Amino acid sequence: QVQVVESGGGLVQPGGSLKLSCVVSGRTSPSYGISWFRQAPGKEREFVAGVDWSGRTTKYQDSVKGRFTISRDSAKNTVSLQMSSLKPEDTAVYYCARTLSRVAVVVSESAYDAWGQGTQVTVSS
C-alpha cells in the first residue's frame, strides 16, 4: 500500500509565498514521478507541475512558470512545490500524485495511481 500525503496549504495574501510538501510512503518502487494538480471551485482538476522519476526533468503549466518551483529529495521521498507571487486565481485544492511512468513528466491524470487527500490553498486579501 502506498500513501501520499500533502501538507503546507493555507491562506496567503496576493503576492505572497507558500510551500507545499508531498511525502510518499509505504511499499513503493524507488523510481516514480510526482506531480501536483489543482482543482478550483467549479472547475476541472488540472496539471500544475511535475518532476520525473530521475528528478532531472520538470514540467510546469504555463500560468505558473516563473512563479512555482518543484523539487524532490529522493532520500526523504519528498517533493516540494514552492509557490511565489501567488494570485487569487491560484486558489484551489492542490493534490499530489504519483506515477510509475518512466516517460518524462506525464500531464494526464490517468497515468497517476496514487493520490493524496489534497490541501487547500487560498489566495485572498
Protein backbone atom coordinates (compact mmCIF):
# COMPACT_ATOMS: atom_id res chain seq x y z
CA GLN A 1 0.00 0.00 0.00
CA VAL A 2 1.28 3.43 -0.97
CA GLN A 3 0.39 6.56 0.94
CA VAL A 4 0.65 10.05 -0.49
CA VAL A 5 0.30 12.90 1.97
CA GLU A 6 0.35 16.62 1.23
CA SER A 7 0.92 19.43 3.68
CA GLY A 8 1.59 23.15 3.71
CA GLY A 9 -1.61 24.69 2.41
CA GLY A 10 -3.21 27.74 3.93
CA LEU A 11 -4.33 31.32 3.46
CA VAL A 12 -1.94 33.81 1.89
CA GLN A 13 -2.26 37.33 0.53
CA PRO A 14 -1.80 38.07 -3.18
CA GLY A 15 1.88 38.32 -3.98
CA GLY A 16 2.78 36.05 -1.09
CA SER A 17 4.50 32.68 -0.99
CA LEU A 18 3.64 29.21 0.20
CA LYS A 19 5.44 25.87 0.15
CA LEU A 20 3.64 22.58 -0.27
CA SER A 21 5.20 19.26 0.58
CA CYS A 22 4.33 15.75 -0.55
CA VAL A 23 5.58 12.59 1.12
CA VAL A 24 5.24 9.16 -0.45
CA SER A 25 5.48 6.19 1.89
CA GLY A 26 4.67 2.51 2.02
CA ARG A 27 5.50 -0.22 -0.44
CA THR A 28 6.65 1.68 -3.49
CA SER A 29 9.20 1.40 -6.21
CA PRO A 30 12.02 3.90 -5.67
CA SER A 31 11.56 5.18 -9.22
CA TYR A 32 8.42 7.24 -9.59
CA GLY A 33 7.37 10.62 -10.86
CA ILE A 34 5.39 13.11 -8.79
CA SER A 35 3.12 15.84 -9.99
CA TRP A 36 0.92 18.46 -8.44
CA PHE A 37 -2.59 19.03 -9.70
CA ARG A 38 -5.16 21.53 -8.52
CA GLN A 39 -8.90 21.93 -8.62
CA ALA A 40 -10.61 25.26 -8.18
CA PRO A 41 -14.31 25.51 -7.29
CA GLY A 42 -16.47 24.74 -10.30
CA LYS A 43 -13.52 23.77 -12.46
CA GLU A 44 -11.88 20.56 -13.56
CA ARG A 45 -8.70 19.35 -11.96
CA GLU A 46 -5.61 20.50 -13.87
CA PHE A 47 -1.92 19.72 -14.01
CA VAL A 48 0.28 22.28 -12.27
CA ALA A 49 3.85 20.96 -12.10
CA GLY A 50 5.69 17.68 -12.13
CA VAL A 51 9.09 16.07 -11.72
CA ASP A 52 10.05 12.82 -13.38
CA TRP A 53 11.37 9.66 -11.76
CA SER A 54 15.00 10.72 -12.20
CA GLY A 55 14.49 14.14 -10.70
CA ARG A 56 16.19 15.69 -13.70
CA THR A 57 13.14 16.74 -15.70
CA THR A 58 10.43 19.13 -14.59
CA LYS A 59 7.37 20.50 -16.31
CA TYR A 60 5.05 23.38 -15.48
CA GLN A 61 1.71 24.68 -16.56
CA ASP A 62 2.23 27.93 -18.46
CA SER A 63 0.34 30.01 -15.89
CA VAL A 64 2.75 29.08 -13.09
CA LYS A 65 6.06 29.18 -14.96
CA GLY A 66 8.50 31.51 -13.24
CA ARG A 67 6.40 31.55 -10.07
CA PHE A 68 6.32 27.91 -8.94
CA THR A 69 9.27 25.58 -8.45
CA ILE A 70 9.04 21.84 -7.95
CA SER A 71 11.88 19.89 -6.38
CA ARG A 72 12.43 16.47 -4.94
CA ASP A 73 14.50 14.97 -2.17
CA SER A 74 14.65 11.31 -3.06
CA ALA A 75 16.39 10.37 0.18
CA LYS A 76 13.34 11.65 2.07
CA ASN A 77 10.73 10.55 -0.50
CA THR A 78 9.58 14.16 -0.51
CA VAL A 79 8.58 16.50 -3.31
CA SER A 80 8.05 20.19 -2.65
CA LEU A 81 6.22 22.88 -4.56
CA GLN A 82 7.45 26.37 -3.78
CA MET A 83 4.83 28.88 -4.85
CA SER A 84 5.64 32.58 -5.12
CA SER A 85 3.89 35.68 -6.42
CA LEU A 86 0.61 33.97 -5.71
CA LYS A 87 -2.55 35.24 -7.36
CA PRO A 88 -6.21 34.83 -6.40
CA GLU A 89 -6.62 32.52 -9.40
CA ASP A 90 -4.17 30.10 -7.77
CA THR A 91 -6.82 29.39 -5.14
CA ALA A 92 -7.64 25.69 -5.29
CA VAL A 93 -7.27 22.35 -3.60
CA TYR A 94 -3.82 21.08 -4.50
CA TYR A 95 -3.24 17.37 -4.95
CA CYS A 96 -0.03 15.40 -5.09
CA ALA A 97 0.03 12.27 -7.21
CA ARG A 98 2.46 9.51 -8.04
CA THR A 99 3.15 7.83 -11.37
CA LEU A 100 5.32 4.84 -12.19
CA SER A 101 5.61 6.04 -15.77
CA ARG A 102 9.18 6.48 -16.98
CA VAL A 103 8.12 8.84 -19.75
CA ALA A 104 9.39 12.25 -18.69
CA VAL A 105 6.62 14.17 -16.90
CA VAL A 106 3.11 12.99 -17.68
CA VAL A 107 0.31 15.57 -17.50
CA SER A 108 -2.57 13.13 -17.90
CA GLU A 109 -4.29 12.17 -14.65
CA SER A 110 -4.81 8.63 -15.91
CA ALA A 111 -1.08 7.93 -15.53
CA TYR A 112 -1.18 8.52 -11.76
CA ASP A 113 -2.10 5.64 -9.49
CA ALA A 114 -1.78 7.11 -6.02
CA TRP A 115 -3.20 10.43 -4.86
CA GLY A 116 -3.12 12.46 -1.71
CA GLN A 117 -6.18 13.84 0.01
CA GLY A 118 -5.49 17.39 -1.10
CA THR A 119 -4.55 20.58 0.68
CA GLN A 120 -6.38 23.88 0.38
CA VAL A 121 -4.55 26.96 -0.88
CA THR A 122 -6.44 30.23 -0.65
CA VAL A 123 -5.02 33.46 -2.03
CA SER A 124 -7.01 36.40 -0.79
CA SER A 125 -6.60 39.78 0.82
